[in-house]
Amino acid sequence: MAAVFDKPSVLQRIAPMFQGFDGPLAFAVFLLACAGMVTMYSSGYDHGSRFMDHGRNMLIAASIMFVVAQIPPQRLMAFAVPMYVVGVALLIAVAVFGITKKGARRWVNIGITIQPSEILKIAMPLMLAWWFQKREGQLRPLDFMVAIVLLAVPVGLIVKQPDLGTAILVMSAGLFVIFFAGLSWKLILPPFLLGGVGVLLLVILEPQLCADGMRWVILHDYQQQRICTLLDPTRDPLGKGFHIIQGMIAIGSGGMLGKGFMQGTQTHLEFIPERTTDFIFAAYSEEFGLAGNLFLIGSFIFLVFRGLAIALEAPTLFSRLLAGAVTLIFFTYAFVNMGMVVGILPVVGVPLPFISYGGTAMVTLGMGLGILMSVSKAKRLVQS
């Protein structure tokens, strides 16, 4: 009888916290984290404590993931409206009295200096998933219009800062939720077709549109320069086109198997700008080559497919929409970063998940992983 009243050990108490963790998802993240630490050690060797800081950021992200994973999806719904309202309010505060650095007003001081646009990367899919959950079974075209307005407000404020990279990520997160909620293909295809025609016209008319003195009304000068540089990096090889040209040289020189760990000449002779942040993929490619790239891309694909599988098996509409959107945020991060480094997308300042240096982005990734773990845990509880 005495055994009945024995207190459980510490291990027995904390074991349930780890039982809901999704093993395949954790394995994919582990592979990417290892690749990130190895690459940061090489590319950040002369950046002081950057390697140690990157490891610290990963530990912080892992802690956040663990905490968020303990919150059931139903309780996450309670954070949707407050996070969205606070995020938009802070974006308005940035527009009114924000802090300007390097020509962009993206930060606000509320006792500490923060970048409110980062909040919207998670708040936006939360808010829209909450919106569609409340209207489950009775969705009308007006509900999709309201969702688009909810998305357009923060995206417009972020573009105005200007911060095109974050605006793309926030807009993508919202559009993914709207798509998964059942938006008709009749409304999806026309914008894509118009975008394709626009890109074709840009390529054909590039000499006229990018001529000296030409100004595009709807874009900032720096955004126009990025597009023109993408179309022809040799237009300014030592200026605006330097990033793209050096990135492509580094990737090409890596060959099939790469030059080897710590042997990248473009990296260590400092030809690659931002080699620990936005252009770290170029440094990785130079040292590990095509084989390393296939490993990295394969790890991201595995992560995305596992996240979509979690979303597909989610027990509620809210968790299904949220998990699907968060998963495709990881895809957007990776696709946009790799695309801009290899020269098929404009340089917009989007980090490569788990590889690039950056504390704020790592926190956002940790929250996203925590949400996926939470949904996976809820699915297992329902099945049991």
Protein backbone atom coordinates (compact mmCIF):
# COMPACT_ATOMS: atom_id res chain seq x y z
CA MET A 1 0.00 0.00 0.00
CA ALA A 2 2.90 2.38 0.68
CA ALA A 3 3.82 2.38 -2.97
CA VAL A 4 0.50 4.01 -3.84
CA PHE A 5 1.45 7.13 -1.93
CA ASP A 6 5.01 7.41 -3.27
CA LYS A 7 5.68 10.76 -4.89
CA PRO A 8 6.61 10.61 -8.60
CA SER A 9 10.23 11.35 -9.41
CA VAL A 10 11.30 14.51 -11.20
CA LEU A 11 11.83 12.49 -14.38
CA GLN A 12 8.30 11.11 -14.16
CA ARG A 13 6.92 14.62 -13.74
CA ILE A 14 8.65 16.15 -16.74
CA ALA A 15 8.35 13.13 -19.07
CA PRO A 16 4.82 14.07 -20.27
CA MET A 17 6.18 17.43 -21.44
CA PHE A 18 8.42 15.66 -23.96
CA GLN A 19 6.01 12.89 -25.01
CA GLY A 20 4.17 15.18 -27.41
CA PHE A 21 7.27 16.23 -29.30
CA ASP A 22 7.23 15.19 -32.93
CA GLY A 23 10.32 13.06 -33.54
CA PRO A 24 10.68 13.47 -37.32
CA LEU A 25 10.22 17.24 -37.09
CA ALA A 26 12.76 17.49 -34.29
CA PHE A 27 15.21 15.40 -36.35
CA ALA A 28 14.90 17.74 -39.36
CA VAL A 29 15.51 20.77 -37.15
CA PHE A 30 18.50 19.03 -35.55
CA LEU A 31 20.10 18.46 -38.97
CA LEU A 32 19.59 22.10 -39.95
CA ALA A 33 20.88 23.36 -36.60
CA CYS A 34 24.05 21.27 -37.00
CA ALA A 35 24.57 22.65 -40.51
CA GLY A 36 24.03 26.15 -39.14
CA MET A 37 26.60 25.79 -36.36
CA VAL A 38 29.22 24.31 -38.69
CA THR A 39 28.69 27.04 -41.28
CA MET A 40 28.69 29.81 -38.68
CA TYR A 41 31.98 28.54 -37.22
CA SER A 42 33.61 28.89 -40.62
CA SER A 43 31.97 32.04 -42.00
CA GLY A 44 32.03 33.88 -38.66
CA TYR A 45 35.53 32.94 -37.58
CA ASP A 46 36.67 36.59 -37.54
CA HIS A 47 33.38 38.04 -36.25
CA GLY A 48 34.29 37.89 -32.58
CA SER A 49 31.72 35.92 -30.60
CA ARG A 50 29.31 35.39 -33.48
CA PHE A 51 29.61 31.59 -33.37
CA MET A 52 28.89 31.49 -29.64
CA ASP A 53 26.06 34.00 -30.03
CA HIS A 54 24.53 31.85 -32.76
CA GLY A 55 24.59 28.86 -30.42
CA ARG A 56 23.01 30.98 -27.66
CA ASN A 57 20.27 32.12 -30.05
CA MET A 58 19.52 28.52 -30.92
CA LEU A 59 19.22 27.62 -27.24
CA ILE A 60 16.84 30.54 -26.70
CA ALA A 61 14.77 29.43 -29.71
CA ALA A 62 14.71 25.86 -28.37
CA SER A 63 13.50 27.12 -24.98
CA ILE A 64 10.74 29.15 -26.64
CA MET A 65 9.77 26.13 -28.74
CA PHE A 66 9.53 24.00 -25.60
CA VAL A 67 7.32 26.53 -23.79
CA VAL A 68 4.99 27.13 -26.76
CA ALA A 69 4.72 23.38 -27.36
CA GLN A 70 3.11 23.01 -23.91
CA ILE A 71 0.24 25.37 -24.86
CA PRO A 72 -2.73 23.55 -26.44
CA PRO A 73 -3.92 24.98 -29.78
CA GLN A 74 -7.22 25.97 -28.15
CA ARG A 75 -5.34 28.26 -25.77
CA LEU A 76 -3.22 29.63 -28.60
CA MET A 77 -6.47 30.95 -30.06
CA ALA A 78 -6.75 33.28 -27.07
CA PHE A 79 -3.51 35.02 -28.10
CA ALA A 80 -4.61 35.68 -31.68
CA VAL A 81 -6.56 38.95 -31.35
CA PRO A 82 -4.35 40.53 -28.62
CA MET A 83 -1.14 39.75 -30.53
CA TYR A 84 -2.55 41.14 -33.76
CA VAL A 85 -3.91 44.32 -32.15
CA VAL A 86 -0.69 44.96 -30.22
CA GLY A 87 1.40 44.26 -33.33
CA VAL A 88 -0.58 46.68 -35.51
CA ALA A 89 -0.57 49.33 -32.74
CA LEU A 90 3.22 49.06 -32.50
CA LEU A 91 3.53 49.34 -36.29
CA ILE A 92 1.51 52.57 -36.13
CA ALA A 93 3.81 53.75 -33.33
CA VAL A 94 6.79 53.03 -35.58
CA ALA A 95 5.24 55.15 -38.35
CA VAL A 96 4.60 58.05 -35.93
CA PHE A 97 7.70 58.15 -33.73
CA GLY A 98 9.82 55.14 -34.66
CA ILE A 99 13.62 54.93 -34.65
CA THR A 100 15.35 55.32 -38.02
CA LYS A 101 18.48 53.34 -38.87
CA LYS A 102 20.17 53.20 -42.29
CA GLY A 103 17.29 55.07 -43.89
CA ALA A 104 14.54 52.75 -42.60
CA ARG A 105 12.13 53.39 -39.73
CA ARG A 106 11.51 49.90 -38.35
CA TRP A 107 12.09 50.09 -34.60
CA VAL A 108 10.31 51.63 -31.60
CA ASN A 109 11.47 52.14 -28.03
CA ILE A 110 9.04 50.95 -25.35
CA GLY A 111 11.64 50.68 -22.60
CA ILE A 112 13.53 48.35 -24.92
CA THR A 113 14.05 48.75 -28.65
CA ILE A 114 11.99 46.24 -30.64
CA GLN A 115 11.08 45.61 -34.28
CA PRO A 116 7.26 45.19 -34.21
CA SER A 117 7.08 43.73 -37.72
CA GLU A 118 8.61 40.51 -36.36
CA ILE A 119 5.56 40.02 -34.13
CA LEU A 120 3.30 39.89 -37.19
CA LYS A 121 5.12 36.87 -38.64
CA ILE A 122 3.33 34.79 -35.99
CA ALA A 123 0.41 37.10 -35.11
CA MET A 124 -0.83 37.24 -38.72
CA PRO A 125 -1.43 33.51 -39.25
CA LEU A 126 -2.79 33.26 -35.69
CA MET A 127 -5.30 36.03 -36.35
CA LEU A 128 -6.51 34.71 -39.70
CA ALA A 129 -6.72 31.13 -38.43
CA TRP A 130 -8.85 32.44 -35.53
CA TRP A 131 -11.03 34.39 -37.98
CA PHE A 132 -11.76 31.38 -40.17
CA GLN A 133 -12.25 29.08 -37.17
CA LYS A 134 -15.02 31.38 -35.90
CA ARG A 135 -16.75 31.09 -39.29
CA GLU A 136 -16.24 27.39 -39.87
CA GLY A 137 -19.04 25.88 -41.95
CA GLN A 138 -20.51 29.21 -43.04
CA LEU A 139 -17.74 30.89 -45.02
CA ARG A 140 -18.86 33.58 -47.48
CA PRO A 141 -16.94 35.70 -49.99
CA LEU A 142 -17.24 38.62 -47.54
CA ASP A 143 -15.27 36.64 -44.93
CA PHE A 144 -12.36 36.30 -47.36
CA MET A 145 -12.55 40.05 -48.09
CA VAL A 146 -12.33 40.83 -44.37
CA ALA A 147 -9.34 38.47 -44.09
CA ILE A 148 -7.60 40.30 -46.94
CA VAL A 149 -8.18 43.64 -45.18
CA LEU A 150 -6.80 42.21 -41.92
CA LEU A 151 -3.72 41.16 -43.89
CA ALA A 152 -3.35 44.35 -45.92
CA VAL A 153 -3.21 46.71 -42.92
CA PRO A 154 0.02 45.39 -41.31
CA VAL A 155 1.63 44.57 -44.68
CA GLY A 156 1.03 48.15 -45.85
CA LEU A 157 2.54 49.56 -42.66
CA ILE A 158 5.61 47.31 -42.99
CA VAL A 159 6.13 48.23 -46.67
CA LYS A 160 6.00 51.90 -45.69
CA GLN A 161 8.93 51.50 -43.23
CA PRO A 162 10.32 50.27 -45.77
CA ASP A 163 11.01 46.58 -45.11
CA LEU A 164 10.20 44.55 -48.21
CA GLY A 165 11.66 41.29 -46.90
CA THR A 166 9.53 41.18 -43.74
CA ALA A 167 6.48 42.39 -45.70
CA ILE A 168 6.87 39.41 -48.06
CA LEU A 169 7.05 36.98 -45.13
CA VAL A 170 4.03 38.47 -43.31
CA MET A 171 2.00 38.63 -46.52
CA SER A 172 2.93 35.04 -47.39
CA ALA A 173 1.92 33.83 -43.92
CA GLY A 174 -1.50 35.46 -44.29
CA LEU A 175 -2.04 34.29 -47.86
CA PHE A 176 -1.22 30.71 -46.89
CA VAL A 177 -3.99 30.76 -44.26
CA ILE A 178 -6.46 32.26 -46.74
CA PHE A 179 -5.52 29.62 -49.34
CA PHE A 180 -5.88 26.71 -46.90
CA ALA A 181 -9.24 28.12 -45.75
CA GLY A 182 -10.62 27.37 -49.22
CA LEU A 183 -10.08 30.40 -51.44
CA SER A 184 -11.24 29.61 -54.96
CA TRP A 185 -8.64 29.00 -57.67
CA LYS A 186 -10.63 31.42 -59.84
CA LEU A 187 -9.43 34.19 -57.53
CA ILE A 188 -5.89 32.83 -57.14
CA LEU A 189 -4.89 32.32 -60.79
CA PRO A 190 -5.48 35.86 -62.18
CA PRO A 191 -2.94 37.57 -59.85
CA PHE A 192 -0.36 34.88 -60.71
CA LEU A 193 -0.97 35.32 -64.43
CA LEU A 194 -0.71 39.11 -64.12
CA GLY A 195 2.50 38.69 -62.12
CA GLY A 196 3.94 36.42 -64.81
CA VAL A 197 3.09 38.94 -67.52
CA GLY A 198 4.66 41.69 -65.41
CA VAL A 199 7.91 39.75 -65.00
CA LEU A 200 8.01 39.05 -68.75
CA LEU A 201 7.54 42.76 -69.51
CA LEU A 202 10.29 43.66 -67.03
CA VAL A 203 12.73 41.32 -68.78
CA ILE A 204 11.81 42.60 -72.25
CA LEU A 205 11.78 46.30 -71.34
CA GLU A 206 14.72 46.16 -68.89
CA PRO A 207 17.01 48.53 -70.87
CA GLN A 208 14.32 51.23 -71.00
CA LEU A 209 12.93 50.76 -67.48
CA CYS A 210 16.36 50.67 -65.81
CA ALA A 211 17.90 53.53 -67.77
CA ASP A 212 19.55 56.32 -65.78
CA GLY A 213 17.02 58.85 -64.57
CA MET A 214 14.02 56.52 -64.94
CA ARG A 215 11.80 56.50 -61.81
CA TRP A 216 9.02 54.03 -61.05
CA VAL A 217 6.10 55.65 -59.25
CA ILE A 218 5.02 52.70 -57.12
CA LEU A 219 8.44 51.69 -55.74
CA HIS A 220 11.13 53.29 -53.60
CA ASP A 221 14.42 54.03 -55.37
CA TYR A 222 16.23 51.23 -53.51
CA GLN A 223 13.53 48.73 -54.49
CA GLN A 224 13.80 49.77 -58.14
CA GLN A 225 17.59 49.39 -57.97
CA ARG A 226 17.27 45.88 -56.53
CA ILE A 227 15.02 44.74 -59.38
CA CYS A 228 17.25 46.31 -62.02
CA THR A 229 20.32 44.76 -60.41
CA LEU A 230 18.60 41.36 -60.43
CA LEU A 231 17.92 41.66 -64.16
CA ASP A 232 21.51 42.72 -64.89
CA PRO A 233 24.02 42.50 -61.98
CA THR A 234 26.86 43.66 -64.28
CA ARG A 235 25.18 47.06 -64.54
CA ASP A 236 26.98 48.00 -61.30
CA PRO A 237 29.43 45.15 -60.55
CA LEU A 238 31.29 46.98 -57.76
CA GLY A 239 28.16 48.52 -56.24
CA LYS A 240 24.59 47.25 -56.25
CA GLY A 241 25.44 44.08 -58.20
CA PHE A 242 28.42 43.11 -56.04
CA HIS A 243 26.39 40.91 -53.66
CA ILE A 244 24.78 38.82 -56.39
CA ILE A 245 27.95 38.46 -58.48
CA GLN A 246 30.12 37.36 -55.53
CA GLY A 247 27.41 35.00 -54.30
CA MET A 248 27.20 33.28 -57.70
CA ILE A 249 30.99 33.06 -57.94
CA ALA A 250 31.15 31.40 -54.51
CA ILE A 251 28.39 28.91 -55.34
CA GLY A 252 29.93 28.04 -58.71
CA SER A 253 33.44 27.63 -57.30
CA GLY A 254 32.18 25.08 -54.77
CA GLY A 255 31.70 22.51 -57.54
CA MET A 256 30.35 19.07 -56.71
CA LEU A 257 31.89 18.47 -53.28
CA GLY A 258 33.00 21.97 -52.26
CA LYS A 259 36.40 23.31 -51.28
CA GLY A 260 36.18 21.87 -47.79
CA PHE A 261 35.45 23.13 -44.29
CA MET A 262 37.24 26.44 -43.56
CA GLN A 263 38.71 26.40 -47.10
CA GLY A 264 36.35 28.81 -48.85
CA THR A 265 38.44 31.55 -50.50
CA GLN A 266 35.52 33.83 -51.37
CA THR A 267 34.37 33.52 -47.77
CA HIS A 268 37.65 33.94 -45.92
CA LEU A 269 39.05 36.61 -48.21
CA GLU A 270 35.83 38.54 -47.44
CA PHE A 271 34.52 38.81 -50.99
CA ILE A 272 31.04 37.65 -49.87
CA PRO A 273 29.16 40.53 -48.21
CA GLU A 274 26.96 39.63 -45.20
CA ARG A 275 28.48 36.15 -45.18
CA THR A 276 27.06 35.32 -41.73
CA THR A 277 23.55 36.64 -42.35
CA ASP A 278 21.71 37.08 -45.66
CA PHE A 279 24.42 35.55 -47.88
CA ILE A 280 25.53 32.69 -45.66
CA PHE A 281 24.17 30.23 -48.23
CA ALA A 282 26.94 31.35 -50.61
CA ALA A 283 29.57 30.63 -47.95
CA TYR A 284 28.00 27.23 -47.24
CA SER A 285 27.85 26.35 -50.94
CA GLU A 286 31.49 27.25 -51.53
CA GLU A 287 32.74 24.93 -48.79
CA PHE A 288 30.29 22.02 -49.18
CA GLY A 289 29.39 22.20 -52.88
CA LEU A 290 26.43 20.66 -54.64
CA ALA A 291 26.43 17.65 -52.31
CA GLY A 292 26.08 19.91 -49.29
CA ASN A 293 23.35 21.91 -51.01
CA LEU A 294 21.36 18.75 -51.74
CA PHE A 295 21.65 17.80 -48.06
CA LEU A 296 20.48 21.25 -46.96
CA ILE A 297 17.61 21.44 -49.43
CA GLY A 298 16.62 17.87 -48.59
CA SER A 299 16.49 18.75 -44.88
CA PHE A 300 14.24 21.74 -45.59
CA ILE A 301 11.97 19.63 -47.81
CA PHE A 302 11.73 16.99 -45.07
CA LEU A 303 10.83 19.69 -42.52
CA VAL A 304 8.16 21.17 -44.80
CA PHE A 305 6.58 17.81 -45.65
CA ARG A 306 6.54 16.81 -41.98
CA GLY A 307 4.92 20.13 -41.06
CA LEU A 308 2.26 19.70 -43.74
CA ALA A 309 1.59 16.17 -42.50
CA ILE A 310 1.03 17.57 -39.00
CA ALA A 311 -1.33 20.19 -40.45
CA LEU A 312 -3.23 17.55 -42.44
CA GLU A 313 -3.87 15.48 -39.30
CA ALA A 314 -4.70 18.46 -37.05
CA PRO A 315 -7.93 17.98 -35.03
CA THR A 316 -9.47 21.45 -35.64
CA LEU A 317 -9.71 23.97 -38.46
CA PHE A 318 -7.76 26.53 -36.43
CA SER A 319 -4.82 24.22 -35.77
CA ARG A 320 -4.88 22.94 -39.37
CA LEU A 321 -4.74 26.44 -40.87
CA LEU A 322 -2.12 27.62 -38.37
CA ALA A 323 0.16 24.60 -38.78
CA GLY A 324 -0.06 24.74 -42.57
CA ALA A 325 0.75 28.47 -42.67
CA VAL A 326 3.65 28.18 -40.20
CA THR A 327 5.12 25.29 -42.19
CA LEU A 328 5.04 27.25 -45.42
CA ILE A 329 6.66 30.22 -43.67
CA PHE A 330 9.74 28.01 -43.29
CA PHE A 331 9.51 27.23 -47.00
CA THR A 332 9.23 30.94 -47.85
CA TYR A 333 12.24 31.82 -45.70
CA ALA A 334 14.40 29.18 -47.39
CA PHE A 335 13.14 29.75 -50.94
CA VAL A 336 13.50 33.54 -50.85
CA ASN A 337 16.95 33.44 -49.23
CA MET A 338 18.38 30.84 -51.61
CA GLY A 339 16.67 32.51 -54.56
CA MET A 340 18.21 35.91 -53.88
CA VAL A 341 21.69 34.42 -53.32
CA VAL A 342 21.65 32.51 -56.63
CA GLY A 343 20.26 35.55 -58.46
CA ILE A 344 16.70 34.54 -59.35
CA LEU A 345 15.05 36.85 -56.78
CA PRO A 346 15.82 40.42 -55.66
CA VAL A 347 17.96 40.90 -52.54
CA VAL A 348 15.37 41.55 -49.82
CA GLY A 349 17.13 40.72 -46.56
CA VAL A 350 15.50 37.39 -45.60
CA PRO A 351 17.61 35.03 -43.42
CA LEU A 352 18.11 31.32 -44.06
CA PRO A 353 16.36 29.43 -41.21
CA PHE A 354 18.73 28.04 -38.55
CA ILE A 355 21.75 28.89 -40.73
CA SER A 356 21.86 32.71 -40.78
CA TYR A 357 22.89 34.73 -37.75
CA GLY A 358 20.10 36.72 -36.09
CA GLY A 359 18.42 36.58 -32.70
CA THR A 360 15.01 38.02 -33.61
CA ALA A 361 14.48 35.69 -36.57
CA MET A 362 15.57 32.72 -34.45
CA VAL A 363 12.96 33.59 -31.80
CA THR A 364 10.27 33.69 -34.52
CA LEU A 365 11.42 30.30 -35.82
CA GLY A 366 11.32 28.87 -32.29
CA MET A 367 7.74 30.07 -31.84
CA GLY A 368 6.77 28.54 -35.18
CA LEU A 369 8.29 25.19 -34.26
CA GLY A 370 6.55 25.33 -30.88
CA ILE A 371 3.21 25.81 -32.62
CA LEU A 372 3.84 22.76 -34.85
CA MET A 373 4.83 20.70 -31.80
CA SER A 374 1.69 21.86 -29.99
CA VAL A 375 -0.56 20.84 -32.89
CA SER A 376 1.20 17.48 -33.18
CA LYS A 377 0.77 16.89 -29.44
CA ALA A 378 -2.94 17.79 -29.61
CA LYS A 379 -3.40 15.34 -32.49
CA ARG A 380 -1.87 12.52 -30.43
CA LEU A 381 -4.04 13.32 -27.42
CA VAL A 382 -7.17 13.20 -29.58
CA GLN A 383 -6.14 9.87 -31.11
CA SER A 384 -5.45 8.37 -27.67
